[in-house]
Protein backbone atom coordinates (compact mmCIF):
# COMPACT_ATOMS: atom_id res chain seq x y z
CA MET A 1 100.31 101.05 102.26
CA SER A 2 101.21 101.78 98.69
CA LYS A 3 100.30 99.25 96.02
CA SER A 4 103.80 99.67 94.60
CA LEU A 5 105.25 97.80 97.57
CA GLY A 6 105.71 94.08 97.12
CA LEU A 7 104.32 91.60 99.60
CA LEU A 8 107.71 91.04 101.21
CA GLU A 9 108.20 94.79 101.70
CA LYS A 10 104.72 95.11 103.24
CA ILE A 11 105.49 92.38 105.76
CA GLU A 12 108.90 93.88 106.49
CA LEU A 13 107.17 97.17 107.35
CA LEU A 14 104.76 95.39 109.69
CA VAL A 15 107.32 93.06 111.30
CA PRO A 16 110.67 94.72 112.05
CA GLY A 17 113.59 92.36 111.54
CA PHE A 18 111.73 90.03 109.17
CA ARG A 19 113.97 88.78 106.34
CA GLY A 20 111.56 86.81 104.20
CA TYR A 21 112.59 83.19 104.83
CA LYS A 22 115.47 83.61 102.41
CA GLN A 23 118.35 82.24 104.44
CA LYS A 24 118.12 78.71 105.77
CA GLU A 25 119.49 79.54 109.21
CA LEU A 26 117.02 82.43 109.59
CA ILE A 27 113.82 80.63 108.55
CA ARG A 28 112.91 79.69 112.12
CA GLU A 29 113.73 83.21 113.34
CA ASP A 30 111.50 84.75 110.66
CA ASP A 31 108.73 82.31 111.55
CA ALA A 32 109.03 83.27 115.22
CA LEU A 33 108.94 86.99 114.35
CA ILE A 34 105.71 86.56 112.40
CA ARG A 35 104.07 84.53 115.16
CA ARG A 36 105.14 86.97 117.87
CA LYS A 37 103.75 89.91 115.86
CA ILE A 38 100.37 88.23 115.43
CA ALA A 39 100.25 87.23 119.12
CA SER A 40 101.22 90.78 120.11
CA LEU A 41 98.36 92.27 118.07
CA LEU A 42 95.93 89.84 119.68
CA ASP A 43 97.30 90.67 123.14
CA GLU A 44 96.75 94.37 122.42
CA SER A 45 93.17 93.55 121.41
CA ARG A 46 92.63 91.62 124.63
CA GLN A 47 94.04 94.47 126.72
CA SER A 48 91.82 96.97 124.95
CA LEU A 49 88.82 94.75 125.55
CA GLU A 50 89.74 94.37 129.24
CA GLN A 51 89.73 98.15 129.60
CA PHE A 52 86.39 98.38 127.82
CA LEU A 53 84.99 95.68 130.11
CA ILE A 54 85.60 97.89 133.15
CA TYR A 55 83.18 100.40 131.63
CA VAL A 56 80.62 97.81 130.48
CA LYS A 57 80.46 95.92 133.81
CA ARG A 58 78.94 98.98 135.46
CA LYS A 59 76.16 99.20 132.89
CA ASP A 60 75.29 95.71 131.59
CA ILE A 61 76.56 92.54 133.26
CA ASP A 62 75.14 90.23 130.53
CA LEU A 63 77.00 92.17 127.86
CA ALA A 64 80.13 92.11 130.03
CA LEU A 65 79.91 88.31 130.27
CA ARG A 66 79.64 88.01 126.48
CA LEU A 67 82.62 90.31 126.02
CA ASP A 68 84.58 88.36 128.61
CA ASP A 69 84.05 85.21 126.52
CA LEU A 70 85.53 87.13 123.60
CA ARG A 71 88.47 88.16 125.81
CA LEU A 72 89.13 84.52 126.65
CA GLU A 73 88.99 83.56 122.97
CA LEU A 74 91.49 86.30 122.12
CA MET A 75 93.78 84.91 124.81
CA LYS A 76 93.39 81.35 123.48
CA VAL A 77 94.17 82.26 119.87
CA SER A 78 97.12 84.40 120.94
CA GLN A 79 98.57 81.44 122.84
CA MET A 80 97.80 79.13 119.94
CA ILE A 81 99.96 81.15 117.53
CA ARG A 82 102.62 82.02 120.10
CA HIS A 83 103.19 78.39 121.10
CA ALA A 84 102.71 76.78 117.70
CA PRO A 85 105.50 74.45 116.67
CA TYR A 86 108.21 76.30 114.80
CA GLY A 87 106.83 76.33 111.33
CA TYR A 88 108.00 75.51 107.88
CA ALA A 89 110.13 72.55 108.97
CA SER A 90 110.16 71.14 105.46
CA LEU A 91 111.54 74.44 104.20
CA TYR A 92 114.23 74.44 106.83
CA ASN A 93 115.33 70.93 105.88
CA ARG A 94 115.70 71.77 102.18
CA VAL A 95 118.55 73.65 100.61
CA ARG A 96 116.42 75.66 98.19
CA ILE A 97 112.94 77.03 98.62
CA LYS A 98 110.84 77.20 95.50
CA GLU A 99 109.72 80.72 94.67
CA GLU A 100 106.03 79.73 94.51
CA GLU A 101 106.28 78.17 97.99
CA LEU A 102 107.85 81.32 99.35
CA GLN A 103 105.13 83.45 97.74
CA GLN A 104 102.43 81.22 99.26
CA ILE A 105 104.02 81.54 102.72
CA LEU A 106 104.33 85.32 102.42
CA GLU A 107 100.72 85.67 101.25
CA HIS A 108 99.48 83.57 104.15
CA ASP A 109 101.59 85.43 106.72
CA TYR A 110 100.38 88.77 105.38
CA ARG A 111 96.78 87.56 105.57
CA LEU A 112 97.31 86.53 109.23
CA ILE A 113 98.89 89.85 110.20
CA THR A 114 96.18 91.77 108.36
CA LEU A 115 93.44 89.82 110.16
CA ALA A 116 95.09 90.40 113.54
CA ASN A 117 95.29 94.14 112.74
CA GLU A 118 91.61 94.16 111.76
CA ILE A 119 90.74 92.49 115.08
CA LEU A 120 92.73 95.12 116.97
CA ASN A 121 91.06 97.97 115.08
CA ALA A 122 87.60 96.50 115.65
CA THR A 123 88.31 96.02 119.35
CA ASN A 124 89.55 99.59 119.70
CA SER A 125 86.40 100.84 117.93
CA LEU A 126 84.22 99.48 120.75
CA TYR A 127 84.95 102.65 122.71
CA GLY A 128 82.95 104.75 120.26
CA LEU A 129 79.79 102.65 120.61
CA GLN A 130 77.01 103.56 122.98
CA ASN A 131 74.19 101.04 122.91
CA THR A 132 74.20 97.32 123.61
CA GLY A 133 73.10 96.38 120.10
CA GLU A 134 76.00 98.21 118.47
CA ILE A 135 78.45 96.69 120.92
CA LEU A 136 77.09 93.17 120.34
CA ASN A 137 77.28 93.64 116.56
CA LYS A 138 80.91 94.75 116.83
CA ALA A 139 81.68 91.87 119.22
CA ASN A 140 80.15 89.43 116.71
CA GLU A 141 82.27 90.96 113.95
CA ILE A 142 85.38 90.45 116.10
CA TRP A 143 84.31 86.84 116.85
CA GLY A 144 83.95 86.18 113.13
CA LYS A 145 87.40 87.56 112.33
CA LEU A 146 88.87 85.63 115.25
CA MET A 147 87.34 82.36 114.02
CA ILE A 148 88.81 82.98 110.56
CA LEU A 149 92.18 83.75 112.12
CA GLU A 150 92.07 80.58 114.22
CA ARG A 151 91.28 78.52 111.12
CA GLU A 152 94.13 80.20 109.23
CA ILE A 153 96.54 79.49 112.10
CA ARG A 154 95.58 75.81 112.01
CA PHE A 155 96.14 75.85 108.24
CA ARG A 156 99.52 77.53 108.80
CA ASN A 157 100.52 74.83 111.28
CA ASN A 158 99.76 72.16 108.67
CA MET A 159 100.99 74.10 105.66
CA PHE A 160 104.44 72.61 105.32
CA LYS A 161 104.54 69.57 107.54
CA ILE A 162 107.04 67.01 106.41
CA GLU A 163 105.36 64.14 104.63
CA ARG A 164 106.66 60.77 105.72
């Protein structure tokens, strides 16, 4: 994507229908769009891995078991973001959103979508690998990105909780 595009425009290109948390009544809808997009990318990664597993099971059952653990983790993180509580409740309850808060939310959402895309690309790249070592290295790379994504999702869930 071009550097001339702003963060909001980049997210709008990645998530059709996203409006940028600008209208109070649409904040929850925008939040749901972002979460569904991330979950969808992770589901695509899982499906790609499932197809790759069919090939690997015939050659190396230990490797297949390791990749199946990764498949389960992809499923878990996808469900974690998909079923997270509707976010940004404190934003929804306020009349005006501060510009710096909005920028922070957009940056975080973009980081999450970018990570999910990187996971999908890494998963799809497994098909080009031949030996067990290369496959394990790529699987470890995916695990690392998935752990970062999971941590970022937890952060997102806590980002704007209402303080009592």
